[in-house]
Amino acid sequence: AVARLCVGKRVLDAFCYSGGFGLY
């Protein structure tokens, strides 16, 4: 759900663990 809002955006993923939100 979050990935759909990240197209062309600058993204900060805090507490990323093994990649999760940031990789998406």
PDBML (XML) file of the C-alpha atoms, coordinates in Angstrom:
<?xml version="1.0" encoding="UTF-8" ?>
<PDBx:datablock datablockName="MODEL"
   xmlns:PDBx="http://pdbml.pdb.org/schema/pdbx-v50.xsd"
   xmlns:xsi="http://www.w3.org/2001/XMLSchema-instance"
   xsi:schemaLocation="http://pdbml.pdb.org/schema/pdbx-v50.xsd pdbx-v50.xsd">
   <PDBx:atom_siteCategory>
      <PDBx:atom_site id="1">
         <PDBx:B_iso_or_equiv>0.00</PDBx:B_iso_or_equiv>
         <PDBx:Cartn_x>0.000</PDBx:Cartn_x>
         <PDBx:Cartn_y>0.000</PDBx:Cartn_y>
         <PDBx:Cartn_z>0.000</PDBx:Cartn_z>
         <PDBx:auth_asym_id>A</PDBx:auth_asym_id>
         <PDBx:auth_atom_id>CA</PDBx:auth_atom_id>
         <PDBx:auth_comp_id>ALA</PDBx:auth_comp_id>
         <PDBx:auth_seq_id>1</PDBx:auth_seq_id>
         <PDBx:group_PDB>ATOM</PDBx:group_PDB>
         <PDBx:label_alt_id xsi:nil="true" />
         <PDBx:label_asym_id>A</PDBx:label_asym_id>
         <PDBx:label_atom_id>CA</PDBx:label_atom_id>
         <PDBx:label_comp_id>ALA</PDBx:label_comp_id>
         <PDBx:label_entity_id>1</PDBx:label_entity_id>
         <PDBx:label_seq_id>1</PDBx:label_seq_id>
         <PDBx:occupancy>1.00</PDBx:occupancy>
         <PDBx:pdbx_PDB_model_num>1</PDBx:pdbx_PDB_model_num>
         <PDBx:type_symbol>C</PDBx:type_symbol>
      </PDBx:atom_site>
      <PDBx:atom_site id="2">
         <PDBx:B_iso_or_equiv>0.00</PDBx:B_iso_or_equiv>
         <PDBx:Cartn_x>2.805</PDBx:Cartn_x>
         <PDBx:Cartn_y>2.420</PDBx:Cartn_y>
         <PDBx:Cartn_z>0.845</PDBx:Cartn_z>
         <PDBx:auth_asym_id>A</PDBx:auth_asym_id>
         <PDBx:auth_atom_id>CA</PDBx:auth_atom_id>
         <PDBx:auth_comp_id>VAL</PDBx:auth_comp_id>
         <PDBx:auth_seq_id>2</PDBx:auth_seq_id>
         <PDBx:group_PDB>ATOM</PDBx:group_PDB>
         <PDBx:label_alt_id xsi:nil="true" />
         <PDBx:label_asym_id>A</PDBx:label_asym_id>
         <PDBx:label_atom_id>CA</PDBx:label_atom_id>
         <PDBx:label_comp_id>VAL</PDBx:label_comp_id>
         <PDBx:label_entity_id>1</PDBx:label_entity_id>
         <PDBx:label_seq_id>2</PDBx:label_seq_id>
         <PDBx:occupancy>1.00</PDBx:occupancy>
         <PDBx:pdbx_PDB_model_num>1</PDBx:pdbx_PDB_model_num>
         <PDBx:type_symbol>C</PDBx:type_symbol>
      </PDBx:atom_site>
      <PDBx:atom_site id="3">
         <PDBx:B_iso_or_equiv>0.00</PDBx:B_iso_or_equiv>
         <PDBx:Cartn_x>4.803</PDBx:Cartn_x>
         <PDBx:Cartn_y>1.522</PDBx:Cartn_y>
         <PDBx:Cartn_z>-2.280</PDBx:Cartn_z>
         <PDBx:auth_asym_id>A</PDBx:auth_asym_id>
         <PDBx:auth_atom_id>CA</PDBx:auth_atom_id>
         <PDBx:auth_comp_id>ALA</PDBx:auth_comp_id>
         <PDBx:auth_seq_id>3</PDBx:auth_seq_id>
         <PDBx:group_PDB>ATOM</PDBx:group_PDB>
         <PDBx:label_alt_id xsi:nil="true" />
         <PDBx:label_asym_id>A</PDBx:label_asym_id>
         <PDBx:label_atom_id>CA</PDBx:label_atom_id>
         <PDBx:label_comp_id>ALA</PDBx:label_comp_id>
         <PDBx:label_entity_id>1</PDBx:label_entity_id>
         <PDBx:label_seq_id>3</PDBx:label_seq_id>
         <PDBx:occupancy>1.00</PDBx:occupancy>
         <PDBx:pdbx_PDB_model_num>1</PDBx:pdbx_PDB_model_num>
         <PDBx:type_symbol>C</PDBx:type_symbol>
      </PDBx:atom_site>
      <PDBx:atom_site id="4">
         <PDBx:B_iso_or_equiv>0.00</PDBx:B_iso_or_equiv>
         <PDBx:Cartn_x>1.984</PDBx:Cartn_x>
         <PDBx:Cartn_y>2.819</PDBx:Cartn_y>
         <PDBx:Cartn_z>-4.478</PDBx:Cartn_z>
         <PDBx:auth_asym_id>A</PDBx:auth_asym_id>
         <PDBx:auth_atom_id>CA</PDBx:auth_atom_id>
         <PDBx:auth_comp_id>ARG</PDBx:auth_comp_id>
         <PDBx:auth_seq_id>4</PDBx:auth_seq_id>
         <PDBx:group_PDB>ATOM</PDBx:group_PDB>
         <PDBx:label_alt_id xsi:nil="true" />
         <PDBx:label_asym_id>A</PDBx:label_asym_id>
         <PDBx:label_atom_id>CA</PDBx:label_atom_id>
         <PDBx:label_comp_id>ARG</PDBx:label_comp_id>
         <PDBx:label_entity_id>1</PDBx:label_entity_id>
         <PDBx:label_seq_id>4</PDBx:label_seq_id>
         <PDBx:occupancy>1.00</PDBx:occupancy>
         <PDBx:pdbx_PDB_model_num>1</PDBx:pdbx_PDB_model_num>
         <PDBx:type_symbol>C</PDBx:type_symbol>
      </PDBx:atom_site>
      <PDBx:atom_site id="5">
         <PDBx:B_iso_or_equiv>0.00</PDBx:B_iso_or_equiv>
         <PDBx:Cartn_x>2.545</PDBx:Cartn_x>
         <PDBx:Cartn_y>6.287</PDBx:Cartn_y>
         <PDBx:Cartn_z>-2.973</PDBx:Cartn_z>
         <PDBx:auth_asym_id>A</PDBx:auth_asym_id>
         <PDBx:auth_atom_id>CA</PDBx:auth_atom_id>
         <PDBx:auth_comp_id>LEU</PDBx:auth_comp_id>
         <PDBx:auth_seq_id>5</PDBx:auth_seq_id>
         <PDBx:group_PDB>ATOM</PDBx:group_PDB>
         <PDBx:label_alt_id xsi:nil="true" />
         <PDBx:label_asym_id>A</PDBx:label_asym_id>
         <PDBx:label_atom_id>CA</PDBx:label_atom_id>
         <PDBx:label_comp_id>LEU</PDBx:label_comp_id>
         <PDBx:label_entity_id>1</PDBx:label_entity_id>
         <PDBx:label_seq_id>5</PDBx:label_seq_id>
         <PDBx:occupancy>1.00</PDBx:occupancy>
         <PDBx:pdbx_PDB_model_num>1</PDBx:pdbx_PDB_model_num>
         <PDBx:type_symbol>C</PDBx:type_symbol>
      </PDBx:atom_site>
      <PDBx:atom_site id="6">
         <PDBx:B_iso_or_equiv>0.00</PDBx:B_iso_or_equiv>
         <PDBx:Cartn_x>6.305</PDBx:Cartn_x>
         <PDBx:Cartn_y>6.327</PDBx:Cartn_y>
         <PDBx:Cartn_z>-3.533</PDBx:Cartn_z>
         <PDBx:auth_asym_id>A</PDBx:auth_asym_id>
         <PDBx:auth_atom_id>CA</PDBx:auth_atom_id>
         <PDBx:auth_comp_id>CYS</PDBx:auth_comp_id>
         <PDBx:auth_seq_id>6</PDBx:auth_seq_id>
         <PDBx:group_PDB>ATOM</PDBx:group_PDB>
         <PDBx:label_alt_id xsi:nil="true" />
         <PDBx:label_asym_id>A</PDBx:label_asym_id>
         <PDBx:label_atom_id>CA</PDBx:label_atom_id>
         <PDBx:label_comp_id>CYS</PDBx:label_comp_id>
         <PDBx:label_entity_id>1</PDBx:label_entity_id>
         <PDBx:label_seq_id>6</PDBx:label_seq_id>
         <PDBx:occupancy>1.00</PDBx:occupancy>
         <PDBx:pdbx_PDB_model_num>1</PDBx:pdbx_PDB_model_num>
         <PDBx:type_symbol>C</PDBx:type_symbol>
      </PDBx:atom_site>
      <PDBx:atom_site id="7">
         <PDBx:B_iso_or_equiv>0.00</PDBx:B_iso_or_equiv>
         <PDBx:Cartn_x>6.627</PDBx:Cartn_x>
         <PDBx:Cartn_y>6.586</PDBx:Cartn_y>
         <PDBx:Cartn_z>-7.320</PDBx:Cartn_z>
         <PDBx:auth_asym_id>A</PDBx:auth_asym_id>
         <PDBx:auth_atom_id>CA</PDBx:auth_atom_id>
         <PDBx:auth_comp_id>VAL</PDBx:auth_comp_id>
         <PDBx:auth_seq_id>7</PDBx:auth_seq_id>
         <PDBx:group_PDB>ATOM</PDBx:group_PDB>
         <PDBx:label_alt_id xsi:nil="true" />
         <PDBx:label_asym_id>A</PDBx:label_asym_id>
         <PDBx:label_atom_id>CA</PDBx:label_atom_id>
         <PDBx:label_comp_id>VAL</PDBx:label_comp_id>
         <PDBx:label_entity_id>1</PDBx:label_entity_id>
         <PDBx:label_seq_id>7</PDBx:label_seq_id>
         <PDBx:occupancy>1.00</PDBx:occupancy>
         <PDBx:pdbx_PDB_model_num>1</PDBx:pdbx_PDB_model_num>
         <PDBx:type_symbol>C</PDBx:type_symbol>
      </PDBx:atom_site>
      <PDBx:atom_site id="8">
         <PDBx:B_iso_or_equiv>0.00</PDBx:B_iso_or_equiv>
         <PDBx:Cartn_x>9.136</PDBx:Cartn_x>
         <PDBx:Cartn_y>9.344</PDBx:Cartn_y>
         <PDBx:Cartn_z>-8.103</PDBx:Cartn_z>
         <PDBx:auth_asym_id>A</PDBx:auth_asym_id>
         <PDBx:auth_atom_id>CA</PDBx:auth_atom_id>
         <PDBx:auth_comp_id>GLY</PDBx:auth_comp_id>
         <PDBx:auth_seq_id>8</PDBx:auth_seq_id>
         <PDBx:group_PDB>ATOM</PDBx:group_PDB>
         <PDBx:label_alt_id xsi:nil="true" />
         <PDBx:label_asym_id>A</PDBx:label_asym_id>
         <PDBx:label_atom_id>CA</PDBx:label_atom_id>
         <PDBx:label_comp_id>GLY</PDBx:label_comp_id>
         <PDBx:label_entity_id>1</PDBx:label_entity_id>
         <PDBx:label_seq_id>8</PDBx:label_seq_id>
         <PDBx:occupancy>1.00</PDBx:occupancy>
         <PDBx:pdbx_PDB_model_num>1</PDBx:pdbx_PDB_model_num>
         <PDBx:type_symbol>C</PDBx:type_symbol>
      </PDBx:atom_site>
      <PDBx:atom_site id="9">
         <PDBx:B_iso_or_equiv>0.00</PDBx:B_iso_or_equiv>
         <PDBx:Cartn_x>9.405</PDBx:Cartn_x>
         <PDBx:Cartn_y>10.277</PDBx:Cartn_y>
         <PDBx:Cartn_z>-4.406</PDBx:Cartn_z>
         <PDBx:auth_asym_id>A</PDBx:auth_asym_id>
         <PDBx:auth_atom_id>CA</PDBx:auth_atom_id>
         <PDBx:auth_comp_id>LYS</PDBx:auth_comp_id>
         <PDBx:auth_seq_id>9</PDBx:auth_seq_id>
         <PDBx:group_PDB>ATOM</PDBx:group_PDB>
         <PDBx:label_alt_id xsi:nil="true" />
         <PDBx:label_asym_id>A</PDBx:label_asym_id>
         <PDBx:label_atom_id>CA</PDBx:label_atom_id>
         <PDBx:label_comp_id>LYS</PDBx:label_comp_id>
         <PDBx:label_entity_id>1</PDBx:label_entity_id>
         <PDBx:label_seq_id>9</PDBx:label_seq_id>
         <PDBx:occupancy>1.00</PDBx:occupancy>
         <PDBx:pdbx_PDB_model_num>1</PDBx:pdbx_PDB_model_num>
         <PDBx:type_symbol>C</PDBx:type_symbol>
      </PDBx:atom_site>
      <PDBx:atom_site id="10">
         <PDBx:B_iso_or_equiv>0.00</PDBx:B_iso_or_equiv>
         <PDBx:Cartn_x>12.250</PDBx:Cartn_x>
         <PDBx:Cartn_y>10.733</PDBx:Cartn_y>
         <PDBx:Cartn_z>-1.921</PDBx:Cartn_z>
         <PDBx:auth_asym_id>A</PDBx:auth_asym_id>
         <PDBx:auth_atom_id>CA</PDBx:auth_atom_id>
         <PDBx:auth_comp_id>ARG</PDBx:auth_comp_id>
         <PDBx:auth_seq_id>10</PDBx:auth_seq_id>
         <PDBx:group_PDB>ATOM</PDBx:group_PDB>
         <PDBx:label_alt_id xsi:nil="true" />
         <PDBx:label_asym_id>A</PDBx:label_asym_id>
         <PDBx:label_atom_id>CA</PDBx:label_atom_id>
         <PDBx:label_comp_id>ARG</PDBx:label_comp_id>
         <PDBx:label_entity_id>1</PDBx:label_entity_id>
         <PDBx:label_seq_id>10</PDBx:label_seq_id>
         <PDBx:occupancy>1.00</PDBx:occupancy>
         <PDBx:pdbx_PDB_model_num>1</PDBx:pdbx_PDB_model_num>
         <PDBx:type_symbol>C</PDBx:type_symbol>
      </PDBx:atom_site>
      <PDBx:atom_site id="11">
         <PDBx:B_iso_or_equiv>0.00</PDBx:B_iso_or_equiv>
         <PDBx:Cartn_x>11.670</PDBx:Cartn_x>
         <PDBx:Cartn_y>8.089</PDBx:Cartn_y>
         <PDBx:Cartn_z>0.761</PDBx:Cartn_z>
         <PDBx:auth_asym_id>A</PDBx:auth_asym_id>
         <PDBx:auth_atom_id>CA</PDBx:auth_atom_id>
         <PDBx:auth_comp_id>VAL</PDBx:auth_comp_id>
         <PDBx:auth_seq_id>11</PDBx:auth_seq_id>
         <PDBx:group_PDB>ATOM</PDBx:group_PDB>
         <PDBx:label_alt_id xsi:nil="true" />
         <PDBx:label_asym_id>A</PDBx:label_asym_id>
         <PDBx:label_atom_id>CA</PDBx:label_atom_id>
         <PDBx:label_comp_id>VAL</PDBx:label_comp_id>
         <PDBx:label_entity_id>1</PDBx:label_entity_id>
         <PDBx:label_seq_id>11</PDBx:label_seq_id>
         <PDBx:occupancy>1.00</PDBx:occupancy>
         <PDBx:pdbx_PDB_model_num>1</PDBx:pdbx_PDB_model_num>
         <PDBx:type_symbol>C</PDBx:type_symbol>
      </PDBx:atom_site>
      <PDBx:atom_site id="12">
         <PDBx:B_iso_or_equiv>0.00</PDBx:B_iso_or_equiv>
         <PDBx:Cartn_x>13.033</PDBx:Cartn_x>
         <PDBx:Cartn_y>7.616</PDBx:Cartn_y>
         <PDBx:Cartn_z>4.279</PDBx:Cartn_z>
         <PDBx:auth_asym_id>A</PDBx:auth_asym_id>
         <PDBx:auth_atom_id>CA</PDBx:auth_atom_id>
         <PDBx:auth_comp_id>LEU</PDBx:auth_comp_id>
         <PDBx:auth_seq_id>12</PDBx:auth_seq_id>
         <PDBx:group_PDB>ATOM</PDBx:group_PDB>
         <PDBx:label_alt_id xsi:nil="true" />
         <PDBx:label_asym_id>A</PDBx:label_asym_id>
         <PDBx:label_atom_id>CA</PDBx:label_atom_id>
         <PDBx:label_comp_id>LEU</PDBx:label_comp_id>
         <PDBx:label_entity_id>1</PDBx:label_entity_id>
         <PDBx:label_seq_id>12</PDBx:label_seq_id>
         <PDBx:occupancy>1.00</PDBx:occupancy>
         <PDBx:pdbx_PDB_model_num>1</PDBx:pdbx_PDB_model_num>
         <PDBx:type_symbol>C</PDBx:type_symbol>
      </PDBx:atom_site>
      <PDBx:atom_site id="13">
         <PDBx:B_iso_or_equiv>0.00</PDBx:B_iso_or_equiv>
         <PDBx:Cartn_x>12.527</PDBx:Cartn_x>
         <PDBx:Cartn_y>4.166</PDBx:Cartn_y>
         <PDBx:Cartn_z>5.842</PDBx:Cartn_z>
         <PDBx:auth_asym_id>A</PDBx:auth_asym_id>
         <PDBx:auth_atom_id>CA</PDBx:auth_atom_id>
         <PDBx:auth_comp_id>ASP</PDBx:auth_comp_id>
         <PDBx:auth_seq_id>13</PDBx:auth_seq_id>
         <PDBx:group_PDB>ATOM</PDBx:group_PDB>
         <PDBx:label_alt_id xsi:nil="true" />
         <PDBx:label_asym_id>A</PDBx:label_asym_id>
         <PDBx:label_atom_id>CA</PDBx:label_atom_id>
         <PDBx:label_comp_id>ASP</PDBx:label_comp_id>
         <PDBx:label_entity_id>1</PDBx:label_entity_id>
         <PDBx:label_seq_id>13</PDBx:label_seq_id>
         <PDBx:occupancy>1.00</PDBx:occupancy>
         <PDBx:pdbx_PDB_model_num>1</PDBx:pdbx_PDB_model_num>
         <PDBx:type_symbol>C</PDBx:type_symbol>
      </PDBx:atom_site>
      <PDBx:atom_site id="14">
         <PDBx:B_iso_or_equiv>0.00</PDBx:B_iso_or_equiv>
         <PDBx:Cartn_x>13.289</PDBx:Cartn_x>
         <PDBx:Cartn_y>4.292</PDBx:Cartn_y>
         <PDBx:Cartn_z>9.573</PDBx:Cartn_z>
         <PDBx:auth_asym_id>A</PDBx:auth_asym_id>
         <PDBx:auth_atom_id>CA</PDBx:auth_atom_id>
         <PDBx:auth_comp_id>ALA</PDBx:auth_comp_id>
         <PDBx:auth_seq_id>14</PDBx:auth_seq_id>
         <PDBx:group_PDB>ATOM</PDBx:group_PDB>
         <PDBx:label_alt_id xsi:nil="true" />
         <PDBx:label_asym_id>A</PDBx:label_asym_id>
         <PDBx:label_atom_id>CA</PDBx:label_atom_id>
         <PDBx:label_comp_id>ALA</PDBx:label_comp_id>
         <PDBx:label_entity_id>1</PDBx:label_entity_id>
         <PDBx:label_seq_id>14</PDBx:label_seq_id>
         <PDBx:occupancy>1.00</PDBx:occupancy>
         <PDBx:pdbx_PDB_model_num>1</PDBx:pdbx_PDB_model_num>
         <PDBx:type_symbol>C</PDBx:type_symbol>
      </PDBx:atom_site>
      <PDBx:atom_site id="15">
         <PDBx:B_iso_or_equiv>0.00</PDBx:B_iso_or_equiv>
         <PDBx:Cartn_x>13.878</PDBx:Cartn_x>
         <PDBx:Cartn_y>0.969</PDBx:Cartn_y>
         <PDBx:Cartn_z>11.390</PDBx:Cartn_z>
         <PDBx:auth_asym_id>A</PDBx:auth_asym_id>
         <PDBx:auth_atom_id>CA</PDBx:auth_atom_id>
         <PDBx:auth_comp_id>PHE</PDBx:auth_comp_id>
         <PDBx:auth_seq_id>15</PDBx:auth_seq_id>
         <PDBx:group_PDB>ATOM</PDBx:group_PDB>
         <PDBx:label_alt_id xsi:nil="true" />
         <PDBx:label_asym_id>A</PDBx:label_asym_id>
         <PDBx:label_atom_id>CA</PDBx:label_atom_id>
         <PDBx:label_comp_id>PHE</PDBx:label_comp_id>
         <PDBx:label_entity_id>1</PDBx:label_entity_id>
         <PDBx:label_seq_id>15</PDBx:label_seq_id>
         <PDBx:occupancy>1.00</PDBx:occupancy>
         <PDBx:pdbx_PDB_model_num>1</PDBx:pdbx_PDB_model_num>
         <PDBx:type_symbol>C</PDBx:type_symbol>
      </PDBx:atom_site>
      <PDBx:atom_site id="16">
         <PDBx:B_iso_or_equiv>0.00</PDBx:B_iso_or_equiv>
         <PDBx:Cartn_x>14.111</PDBx:Cartn_x>
         <PDBx:Cartn_y>-0.774</PDBx:Cartn_y>
         <PDBx:Cartn_z>8.027</PDBx:Cartn_z>
         <PDBx:auth_asym_id>A</PDBx:auth_asym_id>
         <PDBx:auth_atom_id>CA</PDBx:auth_atom_id>
         <PDBx:auth_comp_id>CYS</PDBx:auth_comp_id>
         <PDBx:auth_seq_id>16</PDBx:auth_seq_id>
         <PDBx:group_PDB>ATOM</PDBx:group_PDB>
         <PDBx:label_alt_id xsi:nil="true" />
         <PDBx:label_asym_id>A</PDBx:label_asym_id>
         <PDBx:label_atom_id>CA</PDBx:label_atom_id>
         <PDBx:label_comp_id>CYS</PDBx:label_comp_id>
         <PDBx:label_entity_id>1</PDBx:label_entity_id>
         <PDBx:label_seq_id>16</PDBx:label_seq_id>
         <PDBx:occupancy>1.00</PDBx:occupancy>
         <PDBx:pdbx_PDB_model_num>1</PDBx:pdbx_PDB_model_num>
         <PDBx:type_symbol>C</PDBx:type_symbol>
      </PDBx:atom_site>
      <PDBx:atom_site id="17">
         <PDBx:B_iso_or_equiv>0.00</PDBx:B_iso_or_equiv>
         <PDBx:Cartn_x>15.276</PDBx:Cartn_x>
         <PDBx:Cartn_y>-4.183</PDBx:Cartn_y>
         <PDBx:Cartn_z>9.364</PDBx:Cartn_z>
         <PDBx:auth_asym_id>A</PDBx:auth_asym_id>
         <PDBx:auth_atom_id>CA</PDBx:auth_atom_id>
         <PDBx:auth_comp_id>TYR</PDBx:auth_comp_id>
         <PDBx:auth_seq_id>17</PDBx:auth_seq_id>
         <PDBx:group_PDB>ATOM</PDBx:group_PDB>
         <PDBx:label_alt_id xsi:nil="true" />
         <PDBx:label_asym_id>A</PDBx:label_asym_id>
         <PDBx:label_atom_id>CA</PDBx:label_atom_id>
         <PDBx:label_comp_id>TYR</PDBx:label_comp_id>
         <PDBx:label_entity_id>1</PDBx:label_entity_id>
         <PDBx:label_seq_id>17</PDBx:label_seq_id>
         <PDBx:occupancy>1.00</PDBx:occupancy>
         <PDBx:pdbx_PDB_model_num>1</PDBx:pdbx_PDB_model_num>
         <PDBx:type_symbol>C</PDBx:type_symbol>
      </PDBx:atom_site>
      <PDBx:atom_site id="18">
         <PDBx:B_iso_or_equiv>0.00</PDBx:B_iso_or_equiv>
         <PDBx:Cartn_x>15.911</PDBx:Cartn_x>
         <PDBx:Cartn_y>-6.383</PDBx:Cartn_y>
         <PDBx:Cartn_z>6.271</PDBx:Cartn_z>
         <PDBx:auth_asym_id>A</PDBx:auth_asym_id>
         <PDBx:auth_atom_id>CA</PDBx:auth_atom_id>
         <PDBx:auth_comp_id>SER</PDBx:auth_comp_id>
         <PDBx:auth_seq_id>18</PDBx:auth_seq_id>
         <PDBx:group_PDB>ATOM</PDBx:group_PDB>
         <PDBx:label_alt_id xsi:nil="true" />
         <PDBx:label_asym_id>A</PDBx:label_asym_id>
         <PDBx:label_atom_id>CA</PDBx:label_atom_id>
         <PDBx:label_comp_id>SER</PDBx:label_comp_id>
         <PDBx:label_entity_id>1</PDBx:label_entity_id>
         <PDBx:label_seq_id>18</PDBx:label_seq_id>
         <PDBx:occupancy>1.00</PDBx:occupancy>
         <PDBx:pdbx_PDB_model_num>1</PDBx:pdbx_PDB_model_num>
         <PDBx:type_symbol>C</PDBx:type_symbol>
      </PDBx:atom_site>
      <PDBx:atom_site id="19">
         <PDBx:B_iso_or_equiv>0.00</PDBx:B_iso_or_equiv>
         <PDBx:Cartn_x>14.610</PDBx:Cartn_x>
         <PDBx:Cartn_y>-3.844</PDBx:Cartn_y>
         <PDBx:Cartn_z>3.763</PDBx:Cartn_z>
         <PDBx:auth_asym_id>A</PDBx:auth_asym_id>
         <PDBx:auth_atom_id>CA</PDBx:auth_atom_id>
         <PDBx:auth_comp_id>GLY</PDBx:auth_comp_id>
         <PDBx:auth_seq_id>19</PDBx:auth_seq_id>
         <PDBx:group_PDB>ATOM</PDBx:group_PDB>
         <PDBx:label_alt_id xsi:nil="true" />
         <PDBx:label_asym_id>A</PDBx:label_asym_id>
         <PDBx:label_atom_id>CA</PDBx:label_atom_id>
         <PDBx:label_comp_id>GLY</PDBx:label_comp_id>
         <PDBx:label_entity_id>1</PDBx:label_entity_id>
         <PDBx:label_seq_id>19</PDBx:label_seq_id>
         <PDBx:occupancy>1.00</PDBx:occupancy>
         <PDBx:pdbx_PDB_model_num>1</PDBx:pdbx_PDB_model_num>
         <PDBx:type_symbol>C</PDBx:type_symbol>
      </PDBx:atom_site>
      <PDBx:atom_site id="20">
         <PDBx:B_iso_or_equiv>0.00</PDBx:B_iso_or_equiv>
         <PDBx:Cartn_x>10.831</PDBx:Cartn_x>
         <PDBx:Cartn_y>-3.999</PDBx:Cartn_y>
         <PDBx:Cartn_z>3.946</PDBx:Cartn_z>
         <PDBx:auth_asym_id>A</PDBx:auth_asym_id>
         <PDBx:auth_atom_id>CA</PDBx:auth_atom_id>
         <PDBx:auth_comp_id>GLY</PDBx:auth_comp_id>
         <PDBx:auth_seq_id>20</PDBx:auth_seq_id>
         <PDBx:group_PDB>ATOM</PDBx:group_PDB>
         <PDBx:label_alt_id xsi:nil="true" />
         <PDBx:label_asym_id>A</PDBx:label_asym_id>
         <PDBx:label_atom_id>CA</PDBx:label_atom_id>
         <PDBx:label_comp_id>GLY</PDBx:label_comp_id>
         <PDBx:label_entity_id>1</PDBx:label_entity_id>
         <PDBx:label_seq_id>20</PDBx:label_seq_id>
         <PDBx:occupancy>1.00</PDBx:occupancy>
         <PDBx:pdbx_PDB_model_num>1</PDBx:pdbx_PDB_model_num>
         <PDBx:type_symbol>C</PDBx:type_symbol>
      </PDBx:atom_site>
      <PDBx:atom_site id="21">
         <PDBx:B_iso_or_equiv>0.00</PDBx:B_iso_or_equiv>
         <PDBx:Cartn_x>9.166</PDBx:Cartn_x>
         <PDBx:Cartn_y>-0.696</PDBx:Cartn_y>
         <PDBx:Cartn_z>3.125</PDBx:Cartn_z>
         <PDBx:auth_asym_id>A</PDBx:auth_asym_id>
         <PDBx:auth_atom_id>CA</PDBx:auth_atom_id>
         <PDBx:auth_comp_id>PHE</PDBx:auth_comp_id>
         <PDBx:auth_seq_id>21</PDBx:auth_seq_id>
         <PDBx:group_PDB>ATOM</PDBx:group_PDB>
         <PDBx:label_alt_id xsi:nil="true" />
         <PDBx:label_asym_id>A</PDBx:label_asym_id>
         <PDBx:label_atom_id>CA</PDBx:label_atom_id>
         <PDBx:label_comp_id>PHE</PDBx:label_comp_id>
         <PDBx:label_entity_id>1</PDBx:label_entity_id>
         <PDBx:label_seq_id>21</PDBx:label_seq_id>
         <PDBx:occupancy>1.00</PDBx:occupancy>
         <PDBx:pdbx_PDB_model_num>1</PDBx:pdbx_PDB_model_num>
         <PDBx:type_symbol>C</PDBx:type_symbol>
      </PDBx:atom_site>
      <PDBx:atom_site id="22">
         <PDBx:B_iso_or_equiv>0.00</PDBx:B_iso_or_equiv>
         <PDBx:Cartn_x>12.298</PDBx:Cartn_x>
         <PDBx:Cartn_y>0.821</PDBx:Cartn_y>
         <PDBx:Cartn_z>1.574</PDBx:Cartn_z>
         <PDBx:auth_asym_id>A</PDBx:auth_asym_id>
         <PDBx:auth_atom_id>CA</PDBx:auth_atom_id>
         <PDBx:auth_comp_id>GLY</PDBx:auth_comp_id>
         <PDBx:auth_seq_id>22</PDBx:auth_seq_id>
         <PDBx:group_PDB>ATOM</PDBx:group_PDB>
         <PDBx:label_alt_id xsi:nil="true" />
         <PDBx:label_asym_id>A</PDBx:label_asym_id>
         <PDBx:label_atom_id>CA</PDBx:label_atom_id>
         <PDBx:label_comp_id>GLY</PDBx:label_comp_id>
         <PDBx:label_entity_id>1</PDBx:label_entity_id>
         <PDBx:label_seq_id>22</PDBx:label_seq_id>
         <PDBx:occupancy>1.00</PDBx:occupancy>
         <PDBx:pdbx_PDB_model_num>1</PDBx:pdbx_PDB_model_num>
         <PDBx:type_symbol>C</PDBx:type_symbol>
      </PDBx:atom_site>
      <PDBx:atom_site id="23">
         <PDBx:B_iso_or_equiv>0.00</PDBx:B_iso_or_equiv>
         <PDBx:Cartn_x>12.806</PDBx:Cartn_x>
         <PDBx:Cartn_y>-2.013</PDBx:Cartn_y>
         <PDBx:Cartn_z>-0.881</PDBx:Cartn_z>
         <PDBx:auth_asym_id>A</PDBx:auth_asym_id>
         <PDBx:auth_atom_id>CA</PDBx:auth_atom_id>
         <PDBx:auth_comp_id>LEU</PDBx:auth_comp_id>
         <PDBx:auth_seq_id>23</PDBx:auth_seq_id>
         <PDBx:group_PDB>ATOM</PDBx:group_PDB>
         <PDBx:label_alt_id xsi:nil="true" />
         <PDBx:label_asym_id>A</PDBx:label_asym_id>
         <PDBx:label_atom_id>CA</PDBx:label_atom_id>
         <PDBx:label_comp_id>LEU</PDBx:label_comp_id>
         <PDBx:label_entity_id>1</PDBx:label_entity_id>
         <PDBx:label_seq_id>23</PDBx:label_seq_id>
         <PDBx:occupancy>1.00</PDBx:occupancy>
         <PDBx:pdbx_PDB_model_num>1</PDBx:pdbx_PDB_model_num>
         <PDBx:type_symbol>C</PDBx:type_symbol>
      </PDBx:atom_site>
      <PDBx:atom_site id="24">
         <PDBx:B_iso_or_equiv>0.00</PDBx:B_iso_or_equiv>
         <PDBx:Cartn_x>9.157</PDBx:Cartn_x>
         <PDBx:Cartn_y>-1.904</PDBx:Cartn_y>
         <PDBx:Cartn_z>-1.895</PDBx:Cartn_z>
         <PDBx:auth_asym_id>A</PDBx:auth_asym_id>
         <PDBx:auth_atom_id>CA</PDBx:auth_atom_id>
         <PDBx:auth_comp_id>TYR</PDBx:auth_comp_id>
         <PDBx:auth_seq_id>24</PDBx:auth_seq_id>
         <PDBx:group_PDB>ATOM</PDBx:group_PDB>
         <PDBx:label_alt_id xsi:nil="true" />
         <PDBx:label_asym_id>A</PDBx:label_asym_id>
         <PDBx:label_atom_id>CA</PDBx:label_atom_id>
         <PDBx:label_comp_id>TYR</PDBx:label_comp_id>
         <PDBx:label_entity_id>1</PDBx:label_entity_id>
         <PDBx:label_seq_id>24</PDBx:label_seq_id>
         <PDBx:occupancy>1.00</PDBx:occupancy>
         <PDBx:pdbx_PDB_model_num>1</PDBx:pdbx_PDB_model_num>
         <PDBx:type_symbol>C</PDBx:type_symbol>
      </PDBx:atom_site>
   </PDBx:atom_siteCategory>
</PDBx:datablock>
